[in-house]
Amino acid sequence: MKMDPRHLVQLSTIVEAGSFQGAADRLGISQPALSRNMAVLERRLGAAIFGRSGRKAVPTELGLRLARTGLTIRIAQDSAGAVASLAAAGATGELRLGAPPIVAGRFLTEVLSTFIKDNPECWVELRVGIVHELRTMLERGQIDVIIGPQSLADAASELHFTKIIDDSVGIICRAGHPLKALENVSPKKLSQQNWVAHSRGSTLRQQTENALMAMGVEEINIAFETDSIGSVLEIVGSTDLVSTMPRLSTQPYLEDKLTFLDVDHIQFRRPIGFIKRKDMSESIVQRRFLAALESRYC
């Protein structure tokens, strides 16, 4: 048997208010219209939902049971309305992010921590991977946004890049490394170093090799290779091996053990931003998170 949910909501309001007039005032309708709706509900049921006690309408056992169902509907409607209001304000929804390992570190998690506190109704997922992994996840709809280097989007015409910051890659070494004592670090000196290399296929590995070759570094002697950013920082901090890392996103990890050499090249430039599919619209939650990143880093 189908019943109009509005009638059940009205019934629960009558029971809660204790009178038809009180319920009509709460519902914003006239008392005669409310009485007609209850008469329709009784005809639909083929049974009484109100009896009489003197001049007062009193709900029957059936009326009370249906009123409880109506209350459940009201609670669900109120809850849905609250969620809709939060969604309209961008405070609820899903935020599915992907990022390369170094970007997914303190650069991103510091902003995420604040965002999660400010948006408790929002569900957040962060996936970490290298270039081809992130691009595949974005293409398959497993994530909605990549926070990463512009080069990741440049290679795919269907992706759109929105810049957040102008980062750059730098050559990193331990604080007491012999190269730090040199006034000028030449390509020849860099050719003589042993390097910690990032994983094959990563944009950081590709960018490092391209920039060093453009600078005139004839040979890159790789002593250790890893896809772990933590391992790169630990090995470089405790040996004379050198490596490359994005300057701004690595800054929180430097402390007193690590430092960047005063070496630069145009091919070390590495803008970081929002990367999305062009055929996907941007949600309010995504705009709010982008604004949080821009507020932190711009």
C-alpha atoms as a PDB file:
ATOM      1  CA  MET A   1       0.000   0.000   0.000  1.00  0.00           C
ATOM      2  CA  LYS A   2       1.429   3.361  -1.053  1.00  0.00           C
ATOM      3  CA  MET A   3       1.014   6.371   1.192  1.00  0.00           C
ATOM      4  CA  ASP A   4       2.017   9.964   0.601  1.00  0.00           C
ATOM      5  CA  PRO A   5       5.114  10.582   2.784  1.00  0.00           C
ATOM      6  CA  ARG A   6       3.959  14.171   3.292  1.00  0.00           C
ATOM      7  CA  HIS A   7       0.844  12.910   5.029  1.00  0.00           C
ATOM      8  CA  LEU A   8       2.927  10.771   7.392  1.00  0.00           C
ATOM      9  CA  VAL A   9       5.149  13.769   8.176  1.00  0.00           C
ATOM     10  CA  GLN A  10       2.049  15.848   8.892  1.00  0.00           C
ATOM     11  CA  LEU A  11       0.635  13.090  11.095  1.00  0.00           C
ATOM     12  CA  SER A  12       3.821  12.978  13.159  1.00  0.00           C
ATOM     13  CA  THR A  13       3.699  16.761  13.549  1.00  0.00           C
ATOM     14  CA  ILE A  14       0.110  16.616  14.794  1.00  0.00           C
ATOM     15  CA  VAL A  15       1.027  14.001  17.393  1.00  0.00           C
ATOM     16  CA  GLU A  16       4.069  15.998  18.450  1.00  0.00           C
ATOM     17  CA  ALA A  17       2.215  19.345  18.604  1.00  0.00           C
ATOM     18  CA  GLY A  18      -0.806  17.843  20.410  1.00  0.00           C
ATOM     19  CA  SER A  19      -3.367  19.514  18.145  1.00  0.00           C
ATOM     20  CA  PHE A  20      -4.253  20.076  14.494  1.00  0.00           C
ATOM     21  CA  GLN A  21      -3.954  23.847  14.837  1.00  0.00           C
ATOM     22  CA  GLY A  22      -0.534  23.653  16.497  1.00  0.00           C
ATOM     23  CA  ALA A  23       0.684  21.312  13.773  1.00  0.00           C
ATOM     24  CA  ALA A  24      -0.773  23.517  11.030  1.00  0.00           C
ATOM     25  CA  ASP A  25       1.111  26.508  12.435  1.00  0.00           C
ATOM     26  CA  ARG A  26       4.395  24.536  12.441  1.00  0.00           C
ATOM     27  CA  LEU A  27       3.836  23.205   8.934  1.00  0.00           C
ATOM     28  CA  GLY A  28       2.784  26.527   7.484  1.00  0.00           C
ATOM     29  CA  ILE A  29      -0.572  25.299   6.143  1.00  0.00           C
ATOM     30  CA  SER A  30      -4.181  25.918   7.161  1.00  0.00           C
ATOM     31  CA  GLN A  31      -5.903  23.759   9.752  1.00  0.00           C
ATOM     32  CA  PRO A  32      -8.739  22.757   7.342  1.00  0.00           C
ATOM     33  CA  ALA A  33      -6.178  21.663   4.703  1.00  0.00           C
ATOM     34  CA  LEU A  34      -4.372  19.556   7.312  1.00  0.00           C
ATOM     35  CA  SER A  35      -7.668  17.940   8.388  1.00  0.00           C
ATOM     36  CA  ARG A  36      -8.487  17.087   4.755  1.00  0.00           C
ATOM     37  CA  ASN A  37      -5.066  15.445   4.315  1.00  0.00           C
ATOM     38  CA  MET A  38      -5.629  13.278   7.400  1.00  0.00           C
ATOM     39  CA  ALA A  39      -9.064  12.289   6.074  1.00  0.00           C
ATOM     40  CA  VAL A  40      -7.400  11.254   2.779  1.00  0.00           C
ATOM     41  CA  LEU A  41      -4.883   9.164   4.722  1.00  0.00           C
ATOM     42  CA  GLU A  42      -7.644   7.431   6.706  1.00  0.00           C
ATOM     43  CA  ARG A  43      -9.564   6.603   3.527  1.00  0.00           C
ATOM     44  CA  ARG A  44      -6.380   5.216   2.014  1.00  0.00           C
ATOM     45  CA  LEU A  45      -5.809   3.028   5.083  1.00  0.00           C
ATOM     46  CA  GLY A  46      -9.438   2.047   5.536  1.00  0.00           C
ATOM     47  CA  ALA A  47      -8.973   2.589   9.285  1.00  0.00           C
ATOM     48  CA  ALA A  48      -9.097   5.447  11.779  1.00  0.00           C
ATOM     49  CA  ILE A  49      -5.878   7.178  12.826  1.00  0.00           C
ATOM     50  CA  PHE A  50      -7.616   9.527  15.260  1.00  0.00           C
ATOM     51  CA  GLY A  51     -10.344   8.975  17.847  1.00  0.00           C
ATOM     52  CA  ARG A  52     -12.133  11.448  20.078  1.00  0.00           C
ATOM     53  CA  SER A  53     -11.651  12.239  23.733  1.00  0.00           C
ATOM     54  CA  GLY A  54     -14.236  14.919  24.373  1.00  0.00           C
ATOM     55  CA  ARG A  55     -13.498  17.654  21.808  1.00  0.00           C
ATOM     56  CA  LYS A  56      -9.875  16.582  21.382  1.00  0.00           C
ATOM     57  CA  ALA A  57      -8.579  14.322  18.568  1.00  0.00           C
ATOM     58  CA  VAL A  58      -6.475  11.512  20.022  1.00  0.00           C
ATOM     59  CA  PRO A  59      -4.277   9.266  17.832  1.00  0.00           C
ATOM     60  CA  THR A  60      -5.201   5.604  17.692  1.00  0.00           C
ATOM     61  CA  GLU A  61      -2.612   2.834  18.042  1.00  0.00           C
ATOM     62  CA  LEU A  62      -2.328   2.746  14.240  1.00  0.00           C
ATOM     63  CA  GLY A  63      -1.994   6.532  14.189  1.00  0.00           C
ATOM     64  CA  LEU A  64       0.845   6.415  16.710  1.00  0.00           C
ATOM     65  CA  ARG A  65       2.715   3.732  14.768  1.00  0.00           C
ATOM     66  CA  LEU A  66       2.406   5.682  11.520  1.00  0.00           C
ATOM     67  CA  ALA A  67       3.416   8.879  13.313  1.00  0.00           C
ATOM     68  CA  ARG A  68       6.693   7.214  14.300  1.00  0.00           C
ATOM     69  CA  THR A  69       7.299   6.426  10.628  1.00  0.00           C
ATOM     70  CA  GLY A  70       6.493  10.034   9.789  1.00  0.00           C
ATOM     71  CA  LEU A  71       9.021  11.192  12.400  1.00  0.00           C
ATOM     72  CA  THR A  72      11.679   9.007  10.776  1.00  0.00           C
ATOM     73  CA  ILE A  73      10.911  10.652   7.430  1.00  0.00           C
ATOM     74  CA  ARG A  74      11.161  14.119   9.002  1.00  0.00           C
ATOM     75  CA  ILE A  75      14.533  13.308  10.563  1.00  0.00           C
ATOM     76  CA  ALA A  76      15.795  11.987   7.222  1.00  0.00           C
ATOM     77  CA  GLN A  77      14.552  15.121   5.459  1.00  0.00           C
ATOM     78  CA  ASP A  78      16.193  17.383   8.016  1.00  0.00           C
ATOM     79  CA  SER A  79      19.445  15.417   7.712  1.00  0.00           C
ATOM     80  CA  ALA A  80      19.341  15.580   3.909  1.00  0.00           C
ATOM     81  CA  GLY A  81      18.641  19.300   4.093  1.00  0.00           C
ATOM     82  CA  ALA A  82      21.629  19.832   6.377  1.00  0.00           C
ATOM     83  CA  VAL A  83      23.889  17.844   4.040  1.00  0.00           C
ATOM     84  CA  ALA A  84      22.593  19.816   1.053  1.00  0.00           C
ATOM     85  CA  SER A  85      23.289  23.101   2.839  1.00  0.00           C
ATOM     86  CA  LEU A  86      26.816  21.981   3.706  1.00  0.00           C
ATOM     87  CA  ALA A  87      27.372  20.800   0.143  1.00  0.00           C
ATOM     88  CA  ALA A  88      26.191  24.162  -1.208  1.00  0.00           C
ATOM     89  CA  ALA A  89      28.737  25.817   1.071  1.00  0.00           C
ATOM     90  CA  GLY A  90      31.452  23.350   0.010  1.00  0.00           C
ATOM     91  CA  ALA A  91      31.796  21.857   3.497  1.00  0.00           C
ATOM     92  CA  THR A  92      30.803  18.317   2.572  1.00  0.00           C
ATOM     93  CA  GLY A  93      31.450  15.887  -0.244  1.00  0.00           C
ATOM     94  CA  GLU A  94      34.405  13.888  -1.516  1.00  0.00           C
ATOM     95  CA  LEU A  95      37.941  15.089  -2.136  1.00  0.00           C
ATOM     96  CA  ARG A  96      39.933  12.399  -3.955  1.00  0.00           C
ATOM     97  CA  LEU A  97      43.511  13.514  -4.463  1.00  0.00           C
ATOM     98  CA  GLY A  98      46.648  12.057  -5.992  1.00  0.00           C
ATOM     99  CA  ALA A  99      50.202  13.332  -5.589  1.00  0.00           C
ATOM    100  CA  PRO A 100      53.849  12.352  -6.130  1.00  0.00           C
ATOM    101  CA  PRO A 101      55.592  11.203  -2.919  1.00  0.00           C
ATOM    102  CA  ILE A 102      57.388  14.461  -2.034  1.00  0.00           C
ATOM    103  CA  VAL A 103      54.297  16.597  -2.714  1.00  0.00           C
ATOM    104  CA  ALA A 104      52.187  14.194  -0.650  1.00  0.00           C
ATOM    105  CA  GLY A 105      54.472  14.826   2.328  1.00  0.00           C
ATOM    106  CA  ARG A 106      54.394  17.867   4.564  1.00  0.00           C
ATOM    107  CA  PHE A 107      53.743  20.214   1.643  1.00  0.00           C
ATOM    108  CA  LEU A 108      50.278  18.730   1.235  1.00  0.00           C
ATOM    109  CA  THR A 109      49.449  17.129   4.584  1.00  0.00           C
ATOM    110  CA  GLU A 110      49.883  20.359   6.556  1.00  0.00           C
ATOM    111  CA  VAL A 111      47.145  21.991   4.467  1.00  0.00           C
ATOM    112  CA  LEU A 112      45.058  18.815   4.509  1.00  0.00           C
ATOM    113  CA  SER A 113      45.139  18.681   8.311  1.00  0.00           C
ATOM    114  CA  THR A 114      43.631  22.157   8.559  1.00  0.00           C
ATOM    115  CA  PHE A 115      41.149  21.470   5.755  1.00  0.00           C
ATOM    116  CA  ILE A 116      39.882  18.292   7.456  1.00  0.00           C
ATOM    117  CA  LYS A 117      39.426  20.126  10.775  1.00  0.00           C
ATOM    118  CA  ASP A 118      37.510  22.931   9.054  1.00  0.00           C
ATOM    119  CA  ASN A 119      35.383  20.533   6.971  1.00  0.00           C
ATOM    120  CA  PRO A 120      34.481  17.589   9.260  1.00  0.00           C
ATOM    121  CA  GLU A 121      31.685  16.437   6.925  1.00  0.00           C
ATOM    122  CA  CYS A 122      34.056  16.112   3.971  1.00  0.00           C
ATOM    123  CA  TRP A 123      35.595  12.717   3.106  1.00  0.00           C
ATOM    124  CA  VAL A 124      39.198  12.942   1.885  1.00  0.00           C
ATOM    125  CA  GLU A 125      41.342  10.329   0.118  1.00  0.00           C
ATOM    126  CA  LEU A 126      45.009  10.806  -0.841  1.00  0.00           C
ATOM    127  CA  ARG A 127      46.700   8.394  -3.267  1.00  0.00           C
ATOM    128  CA  VAL A 128      50.466   8.516  -3.818  1.00  0.00           C
ATOM    129  CA  GLY A 129      52.249   7.437  -6.989  1.00  0.00           C
ATOM    130  CA  ILE A 130      54.646   8.323  -9.780  1.00  0.00           C
ATOM    131  CA  VAL A 131      53.658   9.988 -13.045  1.00  0.00           C
ATOM    132  CA  HIS A 132      52.146   7.142 -15.047  1.00  0.00           C
ATOM    133  CA  GLU A 133      50.371   5.740 -11.968  1.00  0.00           C
ATOM    134  CA  LEU A 134      48.743   9.077 -11.149  1.00  0.00           C
ATOM    135  CA  ARG A 135      47.747   9.725 -14.751  1.00  0.00           C
ATOM    136  CA  THR A 136      46.146   6.272 -14.985  1.00  0.00           C
ATOM    137  CA  MET A 137      44.214   6.799 -11.735  1.00  0.00           C
ATOM    138  CA  LEU A 138      42.939  10.153 -13.045  1.00  0.00           C
ATOM    139  CA  GLU A 139      41.917   8.668 -16.403  1.00  0.00           C
ATOM    140  CA  ARG A 140      40.068   5.797 -14.692  1.00  0.00           C
ATOM    141  CA  GLY A 141      38.204   8.119 -12.324  1.00  0.00           C
ATOM    142  CA  GLN A 142      39.904   6.696  -9.221  1.00  0.00           C
ATOM    143  CA  ILE A 143      40.975  10.220  -8.249  1.00  0.00           C
ATOM    144  CA  ASP A 144      39.594  13.610  -9.257  1.00  0.00           C
ATOM    145  CA  VAL A 145      42.628  15.863  -8.863  1.00  0.00           C
ATOM    146  CA  ILE A 146      46.410  15.528  -8.929  1.00  0.00           C
ATOM    147  CA  ILE A 147      48.543  17.970  -6.965  1.00  0.00           C
ATOM    148  CA  GLY A 148      51.783  17.803  -8.890  1.00  0.00           C
ATOM    149  CA  PRO A 149      54.269  19.306 -11.346  1.00  0.00           C
ATOM    150  CA  GLN A 150      53.095  20.969 -14.543  1.00  0.00           C
ATOM    151  CA  SER A 151      55.103  18.525 -16.656  1.00  0.00           C
ATOM    152  CA  LEU A 152      52.643  15.794 -15.676  1.00  0.00           C
ATOM    153  CA  ALA A 153      49.849  17.693 -17.455  1.00  0.00           C
ATOM    154  CA  ASP A 154      51.911  18.988 -20.380  1.00  0.00           C
ATOM    155  CA  ALA A 155      52.284  15.479 -21.773  1.00  0.00           C
ATOM    156  CA  ALA A 156      48.507  14.924 -21.949  1.00  0.00           C
ATOM    157  CA  SER A 157      46.260  17.288 -23.923  1.00  0.00           C
ATOM    158  CA  GLU A 158      43.140  16.145 -22.059  1.00  0.00           C
ATOM    159  CA  LEU A 159      44.475  17.496 -18.728  1.00  0.00           C
ATOM    160  CA  HIS A 160      44.223  21.039 -17.370  1.00  0.00           C
ATOM    161  CA  PHE A 161      46.810  22.615 -15.058  1.00  0.00           C
ATOM    162  CA  THR A 162      46.147  25.406 -12.531  1.00  0.00           C
ATOM    163  CA  LYS A 163      49.359  26.717 -10.973  1.00  0.00           C
ATOM    164  CA  ILE A 164      49.657  27.003  -7.194  1.00  0.00           C
ATOM    165  CA  ILE A 165      53.355  27.813  -6.733  1.00  0.00           C
ATOM    166  CA  ASP A 166      56.578  28.217  -8.725  1.00  0.00           C
ATOM    167  CA  ASP A 167      58.795  25.521  -7.261  1.00  0.00           C
ATOM    168  CA  SER A 168      62.165  24.400  -8.632  1.00  0.00           C
ATOM    169  CA  VAL A 169      64.402  21.358  -8.318  1.00  0.00           C
ATOM    170  CA  GLY A 170      67.698  21.758  -6.475  1.00  0.00           C
ATOM    171  CA  ILE A 171      70.778  19.640  -5.872  1.00  0.00           C
ATOM    172  CA  ILE A 172      70.695  18.483  -2.256  1.00  0.00           C
ATOM    173  CA  CYS A 173      73.566  17.231  -0.069  1.00  0.00           C
ATOM    174  CA  ARG A 174      74.491  16.938   3.588  1.00  0.00           C
ATOM    175  CA  ALA A 175      75.235  20.207   5.371  1.00  0.00           C
ATOM    176  CA  GLY A 176      78.988  19.493   5.680  1.00  0.00           C
ATOM    177  CA  HIS A 177      79.491  18.222   2.143  1.00  0.00           C
ATOM    178  CA  PRO A 178      82.808  19.276   0.449  1.00  0.00           C
ATOM    179  CA  LEU A 179      80.852  20.869  -2.433  1.00  0.00           C
ATOM    180  CA  LYS A 180      79.412  23.444  -0.009  1.00  0.00           C
ATOM    181  CA  ALA A 181      82.927  24.867   0.475  1.00  0.00           C
ATOM    182  CA  LEU A 182      83.319  25.607  -3.249  1.00  0.00           C
ATOM    183  CA  GLU A 183      82.621  29.077  -4.560  1.00  0.00           C
ATOM    184  CA  ASN A 184      81.423  27.664  -7.859  1.00  0.00           C
ATOM    185  CA  VAL A 185      80.187  24.094  -8.392  1.00  0.00           C
ATOM    186  CA  SER A 186      81.132  23.218 -11.955  1.00  0.00           C
ATOM    187  CA  PRO A 187      79.559  20.552 -14.184  1.00  0.00           C
ATOM    188  CA  LYS A 188      82.842  18.642 -13.932  1.00  0.00           C
ATOM    189  CA  LYS A 189      82.538  18.515 -10.127  1.00  0.00           C
ATOM    190  CA  LEU A 190      78.972  17.265 -10.425  1.00  0.00           C
ATOM    191  CA  SER A 191      80.152  14.565 -12.850  1.00  0.00           C
ATOM    192  CA  GLN A 192      82.566  13.345 -10.174  1.00  0.00           C
ATOM    193  CA  GLN A 193      79.841  12.868  -7.556  1.00  0.00           C
ATOM    194  CA  ASN A 194      77.965   9.710  -6.668  1.00  0.00           C
ATOM    195  CA  TRP A 195      74.221  10.203  -6.899  1.00  0.00           C
ATOM    196  CA  VAL A 196      71.059   8.953  -5.252  1.00  0.00           C
ATOM    197  CA  ALA A 197      68.631   8.538  -8.165  1.00  0.00           C
ATOM    198  CA  HIS A 198      64.857   8.692  -8.020  1.00  0.00           C
ATOM    199  CA  SER A 199      62.790   5.878  -9.521  1.00  0.00           C
ATOM    200  CA  ARG A 200      62.727   5.410 -13.278  1.00  0.00           C
ATOM    201  CA  GLY A 201      59.612   6.921 -14.812  1.00  0.00           C
ATOM    202  CA  SER A 202      59.243   9.659 -12.195  1.00  0.00           C
ATOM    203  CA  THR A 203      59.105  13.268 -13.411  1.00  0.00           C
ATOM    204  CA  LEU A 204      61.801  14.150 -10.860  1.00  0.00           C
ATOM    205  CA  ARG A 205      64.207  11.569 -12.355  1.00  0.00           C
ATOM    206  CA  GLN A 206      63.508  12.735 -15.908  1.00  0.00           C
ATOM    207  CA  GLN A 207      63.818  16.405 -15.005  1.00  0.00           C
ATOM    208  CA  THR A 208      67.067  15.820 -13.092  1.00  0.00           C
ATOM    209  CA  GLU A 209      68.722  14.012 -15.984  1.00  0.00           C
ATOM    210  CA  ASN A 210      67.581  16.576 -18.563  1.00  0.00           C
ATOM    211  CA  ALA A 211      68.755  19.547 -16.468  1.00  0.00           C
ATOM    212  CA  LEU A 212      72.141  18.035 -15.607  1.00  0.00           C
ATOM    213  CA  MET A 213      72.834  17.182 -19.255  1.00  0.00           C
ATOM    214  CA  ALA A 214      71.798  20.718 -20.290  1.00  0.00           C
ATOM    215  CA  MET A 215      74.258  22.091 -17.696  1.00  0.00           C
ATOM    216  CA  GLY A 216      77.076  20.055 -19.231  1.00  0.00           C
ATOM    217  CA  VAL A 217      77.273  17.198 -16.728  1.00  0.00           C
ATOM    218  CA  GLU A 218      78.712  14.415 -18.884  1.00  0.00           C
ATOM    219  CA  GLU A 219      78.057  11.490 -16.577  1.00  0.00           C
ATOM    220  CA  ILE A 220      75.694  10.753 -13.681  1.00  0.00           C
ATOM    221  CA  ASN A 221      77.219   8.115 -11.428  1.00  0.00           C
ATOM    222  CA  ILE A 222      74.286   6.427  -9.722  1.00  0.00           C
ATOM    223  CA  ALA A 223      75.252   4.683  -6.491  1.00  0.00           C
ATOM    224  CA  PHE A 224      71.759   4.201  -5.077  1.00  0.00           C
ATOM    225  CA  GLU A 225      68.289   4.221  -6.632  1.00  0.00           C
ATOM    226  CA  THR A 226      64.979   4.309  -4.794  1.00  0.00           C
ATOM    227  CA  ASP A 227      61.345   5.355  -5.013  1.00  0.00           C
ATOM    228  CA  SER A 228      61.374   6.278  -1.307  1.00  0.00           C
ATOM    229  CA  ILE A 229      61.727   9.995  -0.585  1.00  0.00           C
ATOM    230  CA  GLY A 230      62.546   9.182   3.037  1.00  0.00           C
ATOM    231  CA  SER A 231      65.436   6.980   1.935  1.00  0.00           C
ATOM    232  CA  VAL A 232      66.787   9.728  -0.326  1.00  0.00           C
ATOM    233  CA  LEU A 233      66.865  12.203   2.547  1.00  0.00           C
ATOM    234  CA  GLU A 234      68.391   9.716   5.005  1.00  0.00           C
ATOM    235  CA  ILE A 235      71.116   8.504   2.629  1.00  0.00           C
ATOM    236  CA  VAL A 236      72.066  11.986   1.463  1.00  0.00           C
ATOM    237  CA  GLY A 237      72.056  13.285   5.037  1.00  0.00           C
ATOM    238  CA  SER A 238      74.512  10.650   6.249  1.00  0.00           C
ATOM    239  CA  THR A 239      76.864  10.206   3.252  1.00  0.00           C
ATOM    240  CA  ASP A 240      78.614  12.255   0.583  1.00  0.00           C
ATOM    241  CA  LEU A 241      76.096  11.157  -2.047  1.00  0.00           C
ATOM    242  CA  VAL A 242      74.075  13.929  -3.659  1.00  0.00           C
ATOM    243  CA  SER A 243      70.595  13.964  -5.179  1.00  0.00           C
ATOM    244  CA  THR A 244      67.903  16.344  -6.365  1.00  0.00           C
ATOM    245  CA  MET A 245      64.683  17.383  -4.640  1.00  0.00           C
ATOM    246  CA  PRO A 246      62.024  20.071  -5.147  1.00  0.00           C
ATOM    247  CA  ARG A 247      63.175  23.032  -3.065  1.00  0.00           C
ATOM    248  CA  LEU A 248      59.929  24.312  -1.516  1.00  0.00           C
ATOM    249  CA  SER A 249      58.305  20.943  -0.795  1.00  0.00           C
ATOM    250  CA  THR A 250      61.569  19.629   0.716  1.00  0.00           C
ATOM    251  CA  GLN A 251      62.209  22.688   2.902  1.00  0.00           C
ATOM    252  CA  PRO A 252      60.381  21.278   5.966  1.00  0.00           C
ATOM    253  CA  TYR A 253      62.726  18.251   5.985  1.00  0.00           C
ATOM    254  CA  LEU A 254      66.091  20.059   5.798  1.00  0.00           C
ATOM    255  CA  GLU A 255      66.629  20.852   9.488  1.00  0.00           C
ATOM    256  CA  ASP A 256      70.408  21.050  10.158  1.00  0.00           C
ATOM    257  CA  LYS A 257      71.430  17.913   8.249  1.00  0.00           C
ATOM    258  CA  LEU A 258      70.616  18.823   4.652  1.00  0.00           C
ATOM    259  CA  THR A 259      71.147  21.787   2.353  1.00  0.00           C
ATOM    260  CA  PHE A 260      70.822  22.786  -1.295  1.00  0.00           C
ATOM    261  CA  LEU A 261      73.795  23.744  -3.448  1.00  0.00           C
ATOM    262  CA  ASP A 262      73.797  27.155  -5.076  1.00  0.00           C
ATOM    263  CA  VAL A 263      73.269  25.630  -8.525  1.00  0.00           C
ATOM    264  CA  ASP A 264      70.375  26.441 -10.828  1.00  0.00           C
ATOM    265  CA  HIS A 265      69.216  25.957 -14.405  1.00  0.00           C
ATOM    266  CA  ILE A 266      66.066  26.870 -16.300  1.00  0.00           C
ATOM    267  CA  GLN A 267      65.233  23.178 -16.739  1.00  0.00           C
ATOM    268  CA  PHE A 268      65.057  22.843 -12.960  1.00  0.00           C
ATOM    269  CA  ARG A 269      61.867  24.955 -12.920  1.00  0.00           C
ATOM    270  CA  ARG A 270      58.953  22.927 -11.516  1.00  0.00           C
ATOM    271  CA  PRO A 271      55.569  24.731 -11.117  1.00  0.00           C
ATOM    272  CA  ILE A 272      53.199  22.815  -8.832  1.00  0.00           C
ATOM    273  CA  GLY A 273      49.441  22.958  -9.247  1.00  0.00           C
ATOM    274  CA  PHE A 274      45.998  21.375  -9.617  1.00  0.00           C
ATOM    275  CA  ILE A 275      45.745  18.880 -12.475  1.00  0.00           C
ATOM    276  CA  LYS A 276      42.289  17.779 -13.640  1.00  0.00           C
ATOM    277  CA  ARG A 277      40.635  16.219 -16.628  1.00  0.00           C
ATOM    278  CA  LYS A 278      39.236  18.912 -18.938  1.00  0.00           C
ATOM    279  CA  ASP A 279      35.936  17.037 -19.299  1.00  0.00           C
ATOM    280  CA  MET A 280      35.316  16.998 -15.526  1.00  0.00           C
ATOM    281  CA  SER A 281      33.717  19.947 -13.761  1.00  0.00           C
ATOM    282  CA  GLU A 282      35.289  21.303 -10.586  1.00  0.00           C
ATOM    283  CA  SER A 283      33.300  20.681  -7.393  1.00  0.00           C
ATOM    284  CA  ILE A 284      32.835  23.208  -4.601  1.00  0.00           C
ATOM    285  CA  VAL A 285      34.968  21.029  -2.302  1.00  0.00           C
ATOM    286  CA  GLN A 286      37.804  21.035  -4.835  1.00  0.00           C
ATOM    287  CA  ARG A 287      37.587  24.835  -5.174  1.00  0.00           C
ATOM    288  CA  ARG A 288      37.715  25.202  -1.404  1.00  0.00           C
ATOM    289  CA  PHE A 289      40.805  23.000  -1.146  1.00  0.00           C
ATOM    290  CA  LEU A 290      42.504  24.850  -4.002  1.00  0.00           C
ATOM    291  CA  ALA A 291      41.783  28.102  -2.161  1.00  0.00           C
ATOM    292  CA  ALA A 292      43.322  26.607   1.009  1.00  0.00           C
ATOM    293  CA  LEU A 293      46.498  25.689  -0.891  1.00  0.00           C
ATOM    294  CA  GLU A 294      46.708  29.119  -2.513  1.00  0.00           C
ATOM    295  CA  SER A 295      46.199  30.788   0.871  1.00  0.00           C
ATOM    296  CA  ARG A 296      49.056  28.741   2.314  1.00  0.00           C
ATOM    297  CA  TYR A 297      51.579  29.025  -0.508  1.00  0.00           C
ATOM    298  CA  CYS A 298      50.716  32.040  -2.669  1.00  0.00           C
END
